[in-house]
Amino acid sequence: MSATDKENEDDEHVLGPIQQDWGNREYIEVVSISIKKITDFLNSFDLSCRSKLAGLNEKLTILERKIDYLEACVTKGETLT
């Protein structure tokens, strides 16, 4: 085995783990970015759902008040005008 072959073999032993480490780091970065995107979507979805549910809650409250009024009118025997 020549000195050049020995140096090339040593380089491969050093570069292999370094290249694998970079590959792992890139994979971790991709996963981290994907998790951030999912989190951003879920937070946006949560905000949207809360807003829509608040609107529905207001409408239901108005309907409940109208029903209470109509029940009171019927109980008293009043006519609706």
PDB file of N, CA and C in Angstrom:
ATOM      1  N   MET A   1       0.850  -1.164   0.000  1.00  0.00           N
ATOM      2  CA  MET A   1       0.000   0.000   0.000  1.00  0.00           C
ATOM      3  C   MET A   1       0.900   1.233   0.000  1.00  0.00           C
ATOM      4  N   SER A   2       0.608   2.158  -0.898  1.00  0.00           N
ATOM      5  CA  SER A   2       1.448   3.347  -0.995  1.00  0.00           C
ATOM      6  C   SER A   2       0.986   4.406   0.002  1.00  0.00           C
ATOM      7  N   ALA A   3       1.785   5.427   0.163  1.00  0.00           N
ATOM      8  CA  ALA A   3       1.468   6.520   1.087  1.00  0.00           C
ATOM      9  C   ALA A   3       0.207   7.249   0.644  1.00  0.00           C
ATOM     10  N   THR A   4       0.005   7.389  -0.653  1.00  0.00           N
ATOM     11  CA  THR A   4      -1.180   8.065  -1.191  1.00  0.00           C
ATOM     12  C   THR A   4      -2.433   7.263  -0.870  1.00  0.00           C
ATOM     13  N   ASP A   5      -2.360   5.944  -1.037  1.00  0.00           N
ATOM     14  CA  ASP A   5      -3.501   5.086  -0.711  1.00  0.00           C
ATOM     15  C   ASP A   5      -3.844   5.193   0.765  1.00  0.00           C
ATOM     16  N   LYS A   6      -2.801   5.232   1.596  1.00  0.00           N
ATOM     17  CA  LYS A   6      -3.005   5.353   3.048  1.00  0.00           C
ATOM     18  C   LYS A   6      -3.681   6.682   3.389  1.00  0.00           C
ATOM     19  N   GLU A   7      -3.269   7.770   2.749  1.00  0.00           N
ATOM     20  CA  GLU A   7      -3.871   9.089   2.990  1.00  0.00           C
ATOM     21  C   GLU A   7      -5.318   9.106   2.531  1.00  0.00           C
ATOM     22  N   ASN A   8      -5.602   8.521   1.371  1.00  0.00           N
ATOM     23  CA  ASN A   8      -6.979   8.465   0.870  1.00  0.00           C
ATOM     24  C   ASN A   8      -7.875   7.670   1.822  1.00  0.00           C
ATOM     25  N   GLU A   9      -7.353   6.583   2.338  1.00  0.00           N
ATOM     26  CA  GLU A   9      -8.118   5.763   3.277  1.00  0.00           C
ATOM     27  C   GLU A   9      -8.390   6.544   4.566  1.00  0.00           C
ATOM     28  N   ASP A  10      -7.386   7.270   5.052  1.00  0.00           N
ATOM     29  CA  ASP A  10      -7.557   8.084   6.256  1.00  0.00           C
ATOM     30  C   ASP A  10      -8.593   9.187   6.018  1.00  0.00           C
ATOM     31  N   ASP A  11      -8.535   9.790   4.811  1.00  0.00           N
ATOM     32  CA  ASP A  11      -9.509  10.841   4.474  1.00  0.00           C
ATOM     33  C   ASP A  11     -10.935  10.284   4.486  1.00  0.00           C
ATOM     34  N   GLU A  12     -11.111   9.078   3.963  1.00  0.00           N
ATOM     35  CA  GLU A  12     -12.445   8.470   3.925  1.00  0.00           C
ATOM     36  C   GLU A  12     -12.963   8.197   5.334  1.00  0.00           C
ATOM     37  N   HIS A  13     -12.083   7.787   6.228  1.00  0.00           N
ATOM     38  CA  HIS A  13     -12.495   7.522   7.610  1.00  0.00           C
ATOM     39  C   HIS A  13     -12.926   8.810   8.309  1.00  0.00           C
ATOM     40  N   VAL A  14     -12.316   9.914   7.947  1.00  0.00           N
ATOM     41  CA  VAL A  14     -12.652  11.199   8.561  1.00  0.00           C
ATOM     42  C   VAL A  14     -13.877  11.811   7.884  1.00  0.00           C
ATOM     43  N   LEU A  15     -13.911  11.772   6.556  1.00  0.00           N
ATOM     44  CA  LEU A  15     -14.993  12.422   5.816  1.00  0.00           C
ATOM     45  C   LEU A  15     -16.317  11.683   5.947  1.00  0.00           C
ATOM     46  N   GLY A  16     -16.292  10.386   6.056  1.00  0.00           N
ATOM     47  CA  GLY A  16     -17.539   9.611   6.157  1.00  0.00           C
ATOM     48  C   GLY A  16     -18.411  10.071   7.307  1.00  0.00           C
ATOM     49  N   PRO A  17     -17.897  10.087   8.525  1.00  0.00           N
ATOM     50  CA  PRO A  17     -18.721  10.549   9.652  1.00  0.00           C
ATOM     51  C   PRO A  17     -19.126  12.018   9.532  1.00  0.00           C
ATOM     52  N   ILE A  18     -18.258  12.847   8.970  1.00  0.00           N
ATOM     53  CA  ILE A  18     -18.594  14.273   8.807  1.00  0.00           C
ATOM     54  C   ILE A  18     -19.732  14.434   7.815  1.00  0.00           C
ATOM     55  N   GLN A  19     -19.665  13.714   6.704  1.00  0.00           N
ATOM     56  CA  GLN A  19     -20.740  13.787   5.711  1.00  0.00           C
ATOM     57  C   GLN A  19     -22.050  13.255   6.279  1.00  0.00           C
ATOM     58  N   GLN A  20     -21.951  12.196   7.051  1.00  0.00           N
ATOM     59  CA  GLN A  20     -23.154  11.638   7.675  1.00  0.00           C
ATOM     60  C   GLN A  20     -23.737  12.640   8.671  1.00  0.00           C
ATOM     61  N   ASP A  21     -22.862  13.318   9.416  1.00  0.00           N
ATOM     62  CA  ASP A  21     -23.318  14.319  10.380  1.00  0.00           C
ATOM     63  C   ASP A  21     -24.045  15.455   9.671  1.00  0.00           C
ATOM     64  N   TRP A  22     -23.497  15.920   8.543  1.00  0.00           N
ATOM     65  CA  TRP A  22     -24.163  16.986   7.783  1.00  0.00           C
ATOM     66  C   TRP A  22     -25.516  16.505   7.253  1.00  0.00           C
ATOM     67  N   GLY A  23     -25.550  15.279   6.793  1.00  0.00           N
ATOM     68  CA  GLY A  23     -26.823  14.723   6.323  1.00  0.00           C
ATOM     69  C   GLY A  23     -27.853  14.683   7.438  1.00  0.00           C
ATOM     70  N   ASN A  24     -27.419  14.269   8.620  1.00  0.00           N
ATOM     71  CA  ASN A  24     -28.329  14.236   9.767  1.00  0.00           C
ATOM     72  C   ASN A  24     -28.805  15.635  10.128  1.00  0.00           C
ATOM     73  N   ARG A  25     -27.893  16.604  10.094  1.00  0.00           N
ATOM     74  CA  ARG A  25     -28.256  17.989  10.427  1.00  0.00           C
ATOM     75  C   ARG A  25     -29.265  18.548   9.417  1.00  0.00           C
ATOM     76  N   GLU A  26     -29.060  18.243   8.149  1.00  0.00           N
ATOM     77  CA  GLU A  26     -30.002  18.708   7.124  1.00  0.00           C
ATOM     78  C   GLU A  26     -31.377  18.073   7.337  1.00  0.00           C
ATOM     79  N   TYR A  27     -31.399  16.803   7.658  1.00  0.00           N
ATOM     80  CA  TYR A  27     -32.666  16.112   7.914  1.00  0.00           C
ATOM     81  C   TYR A  27     -33.378  16.726   9.118  1.00  0.00           C
ATOM     82  N   ILE A  28     -32.629  16.978  10.176  1.00  0.00           N
ATOM     83  CA  ILE A  28     -33.210  17.588  11.375  1.00  0.00           C
ATOM     84  C   ILE A  28     -33.770  18.967  11.049  1.00  0.00           C
ATOM     85  N   GLU A  29     -33.076  19.731  10.209  1.00  0.00           N
ATOM     86  CA  GLU A  29     -33.557  21.060   9.830  1.00  0.00           C
ATOM     87  C   GLU A  29     -34.862  20.965   9.045  1.00  0.00           C
ATOM     88  N   VAL A  30     -34.935  20.015   8.126  1.00  0.00           N
ATOM     89  CA  VAL A  30     -36.161  19.821   7.334  1.00  0.00           C
ATOM     90  C   VAL A  30     -37.324  19.453   8.262  1.00  0.00           C
ATOM     91  N   VAL A  31     -37.076  18.553   9.192  1.00  0.00           N
ATOM     92  CA  VAL A  31     -38.125  18.138  10.129  1.00  0.00           C
ATOM     93  C   VAL A  31     -38.542  19.325  11.005  1.00  0.00           C
ATOM     94  N   SER A  32     -37.579  20.096  11.472  1.00  0.00           N
ATOM     95  CA  SER A  32     -37.883  21.255  12.317  1.00  0.00           C
ATOM     96  C   SER A  32     -38.726  22.281  11.573  1.00  0.00           C
ATOM     97  N   ILE A  33     -38.368  22.552  10.327  1.00  0.00           N
ATOM     98  CA  ILE A  33     -39.136  23.503   9.522  1.00  0.00           C
ATOM     99  C   ILE A  33     -40.550  22.977   9.285  1.00  0.00           C
ATOM    100  N   SER A  34     -40.681  21.686   9.031  1.00  0.00           N
ATOM    101  CA  SER A  34     -42.005  21.094   8.816  1.00  0.00           C
ATOM    102  C   SER A  34     -42.860  21.196  10.078  1.00  0.00           C
ATOM    103  N   ILE A  35     -42.249  20.958  11.222  1.00  0.00           N
ATOM    104  CA  ILE A  35     -42.983  21.068  12.489  1.00  0.00           C
ATOM    105  C   ILE A  35     -43.437  22.509  12.707  1.00  0.00           C
ATOM    106  N   LYS A  36     -42.585  23.472  12.385  1.00  0.00           N
ATOM    107  CA  LYS A  36     -42.956  24.881  12.531  1.00  0.00           C
ATOM    108  C   LYS A  36     -44.127  25.229  11.625  1.00  0.00           C
ATOM    109  N   LYS A  37     -44.107  24.744  10.382  1.00  0.00           N
ATOM    110  CA  LYS A  37     -45.207  25.013   9.452  1.00  0.00           C
ATOM    111  C   LYS A  37     -46.514  24.409   9.967  1.00  0.00           C
ATOM    112  N   ILE A  38     -46.447  23.192  10.483  1.00  0.00           N
ATOM    113  CA  ILE A  38     -47.641  22.543  11.025  1.00  0.00           C
ATOM    114  C   ILE A  38     -48.163  23.322  12.231  1.00  0.00           C
ATOM    115  N   THR A  39     -47.251  23.758  13.091  1.00  0.00           N
ATOM    116  CA  THR A  39     -47.639  24.531  14.270  1.00  0.00           C
ATOM    117  C   THR A  39     -48.294  25.846  13.859  1.00  0.00           C
ATOM    118  N   ASP A  40     -47.714  26.533  12.876  1.00  0.00           N
ATOM    119  CA  ASP A  40     -48.302  27.790  12.391  1.00  0.00           C
ATOM    120  C   ASP A  40     -49.704  27.551  11.842  1.00  0.00           C
ATOM    121  N   PHE A  41     -49.872  26.470  11.070  1.00  0.00           N
ATOM    122  CA  PHE A  41     -51.193  26.150  10.528  1.00  0.00           C
ATOM    123  C   PHE A  41     -52.194  25.878  11.648  1.00  0.00           C
ATOM    124  N   LEU A  42     -51.785  25.073  12.627  1.00  0.00           N
ATOM    125  CA  LEU A  42     -52.700  24.733  13.718  1.00  0.00           C
ATOM    126  C   LEU A  42     -53.082  25.962  14.538  1.00  0.00           C
ATOM    127  N   ASN A  43     -52.135  26.862  14.764  1.00  0.00           N
ATOM    128  CA  ASN A  43     -52.451  28.093  15.492  1.00  0.00           C
ATOM    129  C   ASN A  43     -53.421  28.957  14.706  1.00  0.00           C
ATOM    130  N   SER A  44     -53.217  29.045  13.397  1.00  0.00           N
ATOM    131  CA  SER A  44     -54.120  29.810  12.542  1.00  0.00           C
ATOM    132  C   SER A  44     -55.513  29.169  12.524  1.00  0.00           C
ATOM    133  N   PHE A  45     -55.551  27.854  12.422  1.00  0.00           N
ATOM    134  CA  PHE A  45     -56.820  27.128  12.416  1.00  0.00           C
ATOM    135  C   PHE A  45     -57.559  27.328  13.736  1.00  0.00           C
ATOM    136  N   ASP A  46     -56.825  27.277  14.846  1.00  0.00           N
ATOM    137  CA  ASP A  46     -57.407  27.492  16.163  1.00  0.00           C
ATOM    138  C   ASP A  46     -58.048  28.877  16.251  1.00  0.00           C
ATOM    139  N   LEU A  47     -57.320  29.888  15.799  1.00  0.00           N
ATOM    140  CA  LEU A  47     -57.828  31.252  15.842  1.00  0.00           C
ATOM    141  C   LEU A  47     -59.082  31.396  14.995  1.00  0.00           C
ATOM    142  N   SER A  48     -59.054  30.805  13.811  1.00  0.00           N
ATOM    143  CA  SER A  48     -60.209  30.862  12.913  1.00  0.00           C
ATOM    144  C   SER A  48     -61.426  30.170  13.542  1.00  0.00           C
ATOM    145  N   CYS A  49     -61.207  28.993  14.117  1.00  0.00           N
ATOM    146  CA  CYS A  49     -62.316  28.244  14.737  1.00  0.00           C
ATOM    147  C   CYS A  49     -62.890  28.998  15.927  1.00  0.00           C
ATOM    148  N   ARG A  50     -62.014  29.570  16.746  1.00  0.00           N
ATOM    149  CA  ARG A  50     -62.488  30.322  17.908  1.00  0.00           C
ATOM    150  C   ARG A  50     -63.344  31.506  17.474  1.00  0.00           C
ATOM    151  N   SER A  51     -62.918  32.189  16.405  1.00  0.00           N
ATOM    152  CA  SER A  51     -63.666  33.335  15.906  1.00  0.00           C
ATOM    153  C   SER A  51     -65.047  32.901  15.399  1.00  0.00           C
ATOM    154  N   LYS A  52     -65.074  31.836  14.631  1.00  0.00           N
ATOM    155  CA  LYS A  52     -66.353  31.354  14.091  1.00  0.00           C
ATOM    156  C   LYS A  52     -67.271  30.854  15.200  1.00  0.00           C
ATOM    157  N   LEU A  53     -66.701  30.168  16.188  1.00  0.00           N
ATOM    158  CA  LEU A  53     -67.520  29.687  17.304  1.00  0.00           C
ATOM    159  C   LEU A  53     -68.060  30.842  18.140  1.00  0.00           C
ATOM    160  N   ALA A  54     -67.289  31.896  18.286  1.00  0.00           N
ATOM    161  CA  ALA A  54     -67.765  33.068  19.019  1.00  0.00           C
ATOM    162  C   ALA A  54     -68.949  33.694  18.288  1.00  0.00           C
ATOM    163  N   GLY A  55     -68.862  33.768  16.966  1.00  0.00           N
ATOM    164  CA  GLY A  55     -69.978  34.289  16.169  1.00  0.00           C
ATOM    165  C   GLY A  55     -71.222  33.428  16.315  1.00  0.00           C
ATOM    166  N   LEU A  56     -71.059  32.122  16.273  1.00  0.00           N
ATOM    167  CA  LEU A  56     -72.200  31.213  16.458  1.00  0.00           C
ATOM    168  C   LEU A  56     -72.785  31.345  17.856  1.00  0.00           C
ATOM    169  N   ASN A  57     -71.917  31.522  18.842  1.00  0.00           N
ATOM    170  CA  ASN A  57     -72.384  31.680  20.210  1.00  0.00           C
ATOM    171  C   ASN A  57     -73.260  32.928  20.348  1.00  0.00           C
ATOM    172  N   GLU A  58     -72.854  34.023  19.706  1.00  0.00           N
ATOM    173  CA  GLU A  58     -73.663  35.248  19.734  1.00  0.00           C
ATOM    174  C   GLU A  58     -75.032  35.008  19.099  1.00  0.00           C
ATOM    175  N   LYS A  59     -75.043  34.339  17.959  1.00  0.00           N
ATOM    176  CA  LYS A  59     -76.311  34.061  17.279  1.00  0.00           C
ATOM    177  C   LYS A  59     -77.213  33.169  18.133  1.00  0.00           C
ATOM    178  N   LEU A  60     -76.625  32.160  18.775  1.00  0.00           N
ATOM    179  CA  LEU A  60     -77.424  31.286  19.641  1.00  0.00           C
ATOM    180  C   LEU A  60     -77.985  32.046  20.836  1.00  0.00           C
ATOM    181  N   THR A  61     -77.185  32.940  21.393  1.00  0.00           N
ATOM    182  CA  THR A  61     -77.658  33.742  22.528  1.00  0.00           C
ATOM    183  C   THR A  61     -78.851  34.595  22.111  1.00  0.00           C
ATOM    184  N   ILE A  62     -78.780  35.201  20.940  1.00  0.00           N
ATOM    185  CA  ILE A  62     -79.900  36.017  20.437  1.00  0.00           C
ATOM    186  C   ILE A  62     -81.131  35.144  20.240  1.00  0.00           C
ATOM    187  N   LEU A  63     -80.961  33.965  19.658  1.00  0.00           N
ATOM    188  CA  LEU A  63     -82.096  33.057  19.451  1.00  0.00           C
ATOM    189  C   LEU A  63     -82.701  32.598  20.778  1.00  0.00           C
ATOM    190  N   GLU A  64     -81.851  32.324  21.769  1.00  0.00           N
ATOM    191  CA  GLU A  64     -82.358  31.915  23.083  1.00  0.00           C
ATOM    192  C   GLU A  64     -83.185  33.027  23.718  1.00  0.00           C
ATOM    193  N   ARG A  65     -82.736  34.255  23.580  1.00  0.00           N
ATOM    194  CA  ARG A  65     -83.513  35.392  24.126  1.00  0.00           C
ATOM    195  C   ARG A  65     -84.859  35.524  23.425  1.00  0.00           C
ATOM    196  N   LYS A  66     -84.864  35.341  22.109  1.00  0.00           N
ATOM    197  CA  LYS A  66     -86.127  35.417  21.358  1.00  0.00           C
ATOM    198  C   LYS A  66     -87.067  34.300  21.795  1.00  0.00           C
ATOM    199  N   ILE A  67     -86.536  33.108  21.991  1.00  0.00           N
ATOM    200  CA  ILE A  67     -87.365  31.978  22.433  1.00  0.00           C
ATOM    201  C   ILE A  67     -87.928  32.258  23.827  1.00  0.00           C
ATOM    202  N   ASP A  68     -87.085  32.767  24.733  1.00  0.00           N
ATOM    203  CA  ASP A  68     -87.562  33.114  26.073  1.00  0.00           C
ATOM    204  C   ASP A  68     -88.700  34.129  26.004  1.00  0.00           C
ATOM    205  N   TYR A  69     -88.544  35.123  25.142  1.00  0.00           N
ATOM    206  CA  TYR A  69     -89.581  36.150  24.989  1.00  0.00           C
ATOM    207  C   TYR A  69     -90.873  35.530  24.459  1.00  0.00           C
ATOM    208  N   LEU A  70     -90.733  34.675  23.438  1.00  0.00           N
ATOM    209  CA  LEU A  70     -91.929  34.042  22.863  1.00  0.00           C
ATOM    210  C   LEU A  70     -92.608  33.119  23.872  1.00  0.00           C
ATOM    211  N   GLU A  71     -91.826  32.385  24.662  1.00  0.00           N
ATOM    212  CA  GLU A  71     -92.412  31.522  25.691  1.00  0.00           C
ATOM    213  C   GLU A  71     -93.151  32.350  26.736  1.00  0.00           C
ATOM    214  N   ALA A  72     -92.583  33.481  27.095  1.00  0.00           N
ATOM    215  CA  ALA A  72     -93.234  34.351  28.069  1.00  0.00           C
ATOM    216  C   ALA A  72     -94.542  34.895  27.511  1.00  0.00           C
ATOM    217  N   CYS A  73     -94.519  35.244  26.251  1.00  0.00           N
ATOM    218  CA  CYS A  73     -95.739  35.768  25.608  1.00  0.00           C
ATOM    219  C   CYS A  73     -96.820  34.698  25.561  1.00  0.00           C
ATOM    220  N   VAL A  74     -96.448  33.476  25.225  1.00  0.00           N
ATOM    221  CA  VAL A  74     -97.417  32.380  25.116  1.00  0.00           C
ATOM    222  C   VAL A  74     -97.963  32.034  26.500  1.00  0.00           C
ATOM    223  N   THR A  75     -97.100  32.043  27.505  1.00  0.00           N
ATOM    224  CA  THR A  75     -97.519  31.724  28.855  1.00  0.00           C
ATOM    225  C   THR A  75     -98.544  32.746  29.371  1.00  0.00           C
ATOM    226  N   LYS A  76     -98.327  33.994  29.043  1.00  0.00           N
ATOM    227  CA  LYS A  76     -99.242  35.068  29.483  1.00  0.00           C
ATOM    228  C   LYS A  76    -100.488  35.137  28.606  1.00  0.00           C
ATOM    229  N   GLY A  77    -100.458  34.466  27.484  1.00  0.00           N
ATOM    230  CA  GLY A  77    -101.599  34.469  26.582  1.00  0.00           C
ATOM    231  C   GLY A  77    -101.653  35.716  25.720  1.00  0.00           C
ATOM    232  N   GLU A  78    -100.561  36.397  25.615  1.00  0.00           N
ATOM    233  CA  GLU A  78    -100.548  37.611  24.804  1.00  0.00           C
ATOM    234  C   GLU A  78    -100.446  37.232  23.333  1.00  0.00           C
ATOM    235  N   THR A  79    -100.934  38.134  22.513  1.00  0.00           N
ATOM    236  CA  THR A  79    -100.797  37.926  21.060  1.00  0.00           C
ATOM    237  C   THR A  79     -99.525  38.618  20.596  1.00  0.00           C
ATOM    238  N   LEU A  80     -98.963  38.031  19.597  1.00  0.00           N
ATOM    239  CA  LEU A  80     -97.731  38.606  19.062  1.00  0.00           C
ATOM    240  C   LEU A  80     -98.088  39.706  18.081  1.00  0.00           C
ATOM    241  N   THR A  81     -97.371  40.786  18.180  1.00  0.00           N
ATOM    242  CA  THR A  81     -97.650  41.900  17.240  1.00  0.00           C
ATOM    243  C   THR A  81     -96.454  42.188  16.393  1.00  0.00           C
TER     244      THR A  81
END
